[in-house]
Amino acid sequence: MNADEGKPDLSSGELGGEAITGPLKQPTADEQARSVEQRAMETPPPKDRWLEPGFHRLDRRYIIVEILSGSVLTGVASVAGLVAIAITAFAVNERWIWLLIIAGVALFLVWLWSMTLFWPRLEHRHASWKLDELGLEVRKGVLWRHRISVPRARVQHVDVSQGPLQRNFGLAELTIYTAGTQNSSVKLNGLAHSVATDVRNELISKQDPADVV
């Protein structure tokens, strides 16, 4: 009797119920890079701690528009301040008074330019809106928070308007006219023109929540 008879055939490389087909294949650099990129795409983006669930942020182009429009007024105020300093230099003989006026005007202009450049970013961060079957809700305000709810049943008229600067950046202002004296008109500025149009059409087409499917 052959001594090898009755023994399992291990020529196929089976060991412990697993087939050994050869040495383990190490992933290439390209495969590792694709794996890292795929995991990054599957990882959800970090949550915005300023944005509550269901609410939408204003268009980021709103920040640019506000800075540009505010810079015009701030520039006019800066020219007026420089003119005031020049007039004071000729009208006031006391040097300390002249220096005091210069310091006061300079501090005011620094504060004004700081507000012009950074305040729109704060407004954008603290402003959000939500449209559902009940109506429109707007939340805004940096120091004093405002929460405005507009039920669909109270909506009488909705207007979408654009100024020259808004039109150049593709933005619009949504104005909602409601029944009643308090908050008879609610304005939502900083929406893309297409979004403002969609919100207007949604509000005027489904004013009764019972009709919403």
Protein backbone atom coordinates (compact mmCIF):
# COMPACT_ATOMS: atom_id res chain seq x y z
CA MET A 1 0.00 0.00 0.00
CA ASN A 2 1.34 3.36 -0.96
CA ALA A 3 2.09 5.56 2.09
CA ASP A 4 0.70 8.59 0.33
CA GLU A 5 -2.74 7.06 -0.17
CA GLY A 6 -5.47 8.48 2.08
CA LYS A 7 -3.72 11.81 2.57
CA PRO A 8 -5.41 14.96 1.27
CA ASP A 9 -4.02 16.43 -1.91
CA LEU A 10 -2.30 19.73 -1.02
CA SER A 11 -0.98 20.36 -4.48
CA SER A 12 -3.57 23.07 -5.07
CA GLY A 13 -2.15 25.08 -2.19
CA GLU A 14 -5.09 24.61 0.19
CA LEU A 15 -4.12 25.16 3.80
CA GLY A 16 -6.57 25.52 6.64
CA GLY A 17 -9.52 25.82 4.24
CA GLU A 18 -8.00 28.81 2.40
CA ALA A 19 -6.45 28.69 -1.00
CA ILE A 20 -2.96 30.13 -1.30
CA THR A 21 -2.70 31.47 -4.79
CA GLY A 22 0.63 33.21 -4.37
CA PRO A 23 2.29 36.05 -2.46
CA LEU A 24 0.05 38.84 -1.18
CA LYS A 25 -0.21 41.70 -3.67
CA GLN A 26 0.72 45.08 -2.21
CA PRO A 27 -1.38 48.05 -3.44
CA THR A 28 0.42 50.44 -5.71
CA ALA A 29 0.89 54.13 -4.96
CA ASP A 30 -1.90 55.05 -7.39
CA GLU A 31 -4.29 52.58 -5.75
CA GLN A 32 -3.47 53.95 -2.30
CA ALA A 33 -4.03 57.52 -3.51
CA ARG A 34 -7.39 56.55 -5.03
CA SER A 35 -8.38 54.81 -1.80
CA VAL A 36 -7.55 57.91 0.25
CA GLU A 37 -9.45 60.13 -2.21
CA GLN A 38 -12.47 57.82 -2.09
CA ARG A 39 -12.53 57.86 1.72
CA ALA A 40 -12.28 61.66 1.67
CA MET A 41 -15.26 61.87 -0.70
CA GLU A 42 -17.32 59.52 1.48
CA THR A 43 -16.55 61.51 4.64
CA PRO A 44 -19.38 63.98 5.30
CA PRO A 45 -18.38 67.67 5.39
CA PRO A 46 -18.10 69.31 8.81
CA LYS A 47 -21.33 70.74 10.13
CA ASP A 48 -21.81 74.49 10.19
CA ARG A 49 -22.40 75.27 13.86
CA TRP A 50 -24.20 78.47 12.89
CA LEU A 51 -26.66 76.70 10.56
CA GLU A 52 -29.59 74.79 12.05
CA PRO A 53 -31.05 71.70 10.35
CA GLY A 54 -33.38 72.55 7.47
CA PHE A 55 -32.10 76.12 7.08
CA HIS A 56 -30.20 77.52 4.12
CA ARG A 57 -27.38 80.00 4.00
CA LEU A 58 -27.51 83.18 1.93
CA ASP A 59 -25.47 83.31 -1.25
CA ARG A 60 -21.81 84.10 -0.55
CA ARG A 61 -21.84 86.74 -3.30
CA TYR A 62 -23.95 88.76 -0.86
CA ILE A 63 -20.77 89.49 1.11
CA ILE A 64 -19.03 90.97 -1.93
CA VAL A 65 -22.04 93.10 -2.86
CA GLU A 66 -22.35 94.48 0.67
CA ILE A 67 -18.65 95.28 0.87
CA LEU A 68 -18.68 97.07 -2.48
CA SER A 69 -21.80 99.09 -1.71
CA GLY A 70 -20.52 99.96 1.76
CA SER A 71 -17.12 100.96 0.39
CA VAL A 72 -18.75 103.67 -1.73
CA LEU A 73 -20.31 105.34 1.32
CA THR A 74 -17.19 104.82 3.41
CA GLY A 75 -15.07 106.34 0.66
CA VAL A 76 -17.26 109.44 0.60
CA ALA A 77 -16.99 109.69 4.39
CA SER A 78 -13.20 109.34 4.15
CA VAL A 79 -12.94 112.20 1.65
CA ALA A 80 -15.15 114.34 3.89
CA GLY A 81 -12.92 113.53 6.85
CA LEU A 82 -9.78 114.50 4.98
CA VAL A 83 -11.39 117.77 3.91
CA ALA A 84 -12.35 118.47 7.52
CA ILE A 85 -8.75 117.89 8.61
CA ALA A 86 -7.47 120.24 5.91
CA ILE A 87 -9.91 122.98 6.89
CA THR A 88 -9.04 122.55 10.55
CA ALA A 89 -5.34 122.90 9.78
CA PHE A 90 -5.92 126.42 8.44
CA ALA A 91 -8.65 127.49 10.86
CA VAL A 92 -7.19 126.33 14.17
CA ASN A 93 -4.01 127.86 15.52
CA GLU A 94 -3.66 125.62 18.52
CA ARG A 95 -1.53 122.61 17.51
CA TRP A 96 -2.90 120.26 20.18
CA ILE A 97 -6.47 120.87 19.03
CA TRP A 98 -5.48 120.12 15.45
CA LEU A 99 -3.73 116.89 16.48
CA LEU A 100 -6.74 115.88 18.58
CA ILE A 101 -9.08 116.37 15.63
CA ILE A 102 -6.76 114.37 13.36
CA ALA A 103 -6.65 111.50 15.85
CA GLY A 104 -10.43 111.50 16.25
CA VAL A 105 -11.10 111.51 12.50
CA ALA A 106 -8.47 108.82 11.90
CA LEU A 107 -9.96 106.51 14.57
CA PHE A 108 -13.43 107.04 13.16
CA LEU A 109 -12.30 106.18 9.64
CA VAL A 110 -10.45 103.05 10.83
CA TRP A 111 -13.58 101.89 12.66
CA LEU A 112 -15.74 102.70 9.63
CA TRP A 113 -13.55 100.75 7.20
CA SER A 114 -13.34 97.81 9.60
CA MET A 115 -17.12 97.64 9.80
CA THR A 116 -17.39 97.94 6.02
CA LEU A 117 -15.02 95.04 5.39
CA PHE A 118 -15.93 92.64 8.21
CA TRP A 119 -19.55 93.31 9.17
CA PRO A 120 -21.05 91.74 6.00
CA ARG A 121 -19.26 88.50 6.85
CA LEU A 122 -20.81 88.47 10.31
CA GLU A 123 -24.25 89.18 8.86
CA HIS A 124 -23.87 86.33 6.38
CA ARG A 125 -22.78 83.93 9.12
CA HIS A 126 -25.79 84.69 11.31
CA ALA A 127 -28.45 84.82 8.57
CA SER A 128 -30.42 81.80 7.37
CA TRP A 129 -33.84 80.93 5.97
CA LYS A 130 -36.14 77.93 5.62
CA LEU A 131 -39.14 77.26 3.38
CA ASP A 132 -41.47 74.38 4.25
CA GLU A 133 -45.15 73.48 4.05
CA LEU A 134 -45.98 76.00 6.79
CA GLY A 135 -44.29 79.00 5.22
CA LEU A 136 -41.04 80.95 5.27
CA GLU A 137 -38.86 81.49 8.33
CA VAL A 138 -36.01 84.00 8.38
CA ARG A 139 -33.34 84.25 11.07
CA LYS A 140 -30.86 87.10 11.09
CA GLY A 141 -29.04 89.53 13.33
CA VAL A 142 -25.55 89.67 14.81
CA LEU A 143 -26.05 91.46 18.13
CA TRP A 144 -29.84 91.32 18.25
CA ARG A 145 -31.26 88.12 16.83
CA HIS A 146 -34.50 88.27 14.82
CA ARG A 147 -36.68 85.29 14.00
CA ILE A 148 -39.45 86.08 11.51
CA SER A 149 -42.04 83.50 10.47
CA VAL A 150 -44.35 84.13 7.51
CA PRO A 151 -47.24 81.63 7.26
CA ARG A 152 -48.39 80.79 3.75
CA ALA A 153 -51.95 81.77 4.62
CA ARG A 154 -50.87 85.38 5.32
CA VAL A 155 -48.91 85.88 2.10
CA GLN A 156 -50.62 88.43 -0.14
CA HIS A 157 -47.91 89.43 -2.59
CA VAL A 158 -44.29 88.48 -3.23
CA ASP A 159 -41.85 90.70 -5.12
CA VAL A 160 -38.36 89.95 -6.47
CA SER A 161 -36.22 93.02 -7.14
CA GLN A 162 -32.65 93.69 -8.29
CA GLY A 163 -30.43 96.73 -8.08
CA PRO A 164 -27.62 97.39 -10.57
CA LEU A 165 -24.97 95.80 -8.34
CA GLN A 166 -27.19 92.85 -7.47
CA ARG A 167 -28.01 92.27 -11.11
CA ASN A 168 -24.31 92.24 -11.98
CA PHE A 169 -23.69 89.48 -9.40
CA GLY A 170 -26.86 87.51 -10.12
CA LEU A 171 -28.51 88.26 -6.75
CA ALA A 172 -31.97 89.50 -5.84
CA GLU A 173 -34.03 90.71 -2.89
CA LEU A 174 -37.21 88.88 -1.96
CA THR A 175 -39.98 91.00 -0.41
CA ILE A 176 -43.05 89.31 1.06
CA TYR A 177 -46.16 91.38 1.76
CA THR A 178 -48.48 89.88 4.36
CA ALA A 179 -51.83 90.62 5.95
CA GLY A 180 -51.66 92.55 9.21
CA THR A 181 -49.78 95.55 10.53
CA GLN A 182 -46.77 93.89 12.22
CA ASN A 183 -44.16 92.65 9.74
CA SER A 184 -46.47 93.61 6.88
CA SER A 185 -43.43 93.32 4.60
CA VAL A 186 -40.56 90.91 5.16
CA LYS A 187 -37.37 91.32 3.14
CA LEU A 188 -34.81 88.61 2.47
CA ASN A 189 -31.71 89.97 0.77
CA GLY A 190 -28.77 87.95 -0.52
CA LEU A 191 -30.51 85.21 -2.52
CA ALA A 192 -29.48 84.08 -5.96
CA HIS A 193 -31.98 85.39 -8.50
CA SER A 194 -33.09 81.87 -9.49
CA VAL A 195 -33.58 80.90 -5.83
CA ALA A 196 -35.59 84.05 -5.10
CA THR A 197 -37.80 83.33 -8.11
CA ASP A 198 -38.37 79.73 -7.02
CA VAL A 199 -39.29 80.82 -3.47
CA ARG A 200 -41.72 83.42 -4.85
CA ASN A 201 -43.40 80.87 -7.13
CA GLU A 202 -43.64 78.38 -4.28
CA LEU A 203 -45.22 80.87 -1.89
CA ILE A 204 -47.83 82.22 -4.29
CA SER A 205 -48.74 78.81 -5.71
CA LYS A 206 -49.26 76.98 -2.40
CA GLN A 207 -50.58 79.40 0.17
CA ASP A 208 -52.74 76.83 1.92
CA PRO A 209 -50.78 74.09 3.74
CA ALA A 210 -53.69 71.66 3.23
CA ASP A 211 -53.11 71.80 -0.51
CA VAL A 212 -49.43 70.88 -0.23
CA VAL A 213 -48.63 67.28 -1.12
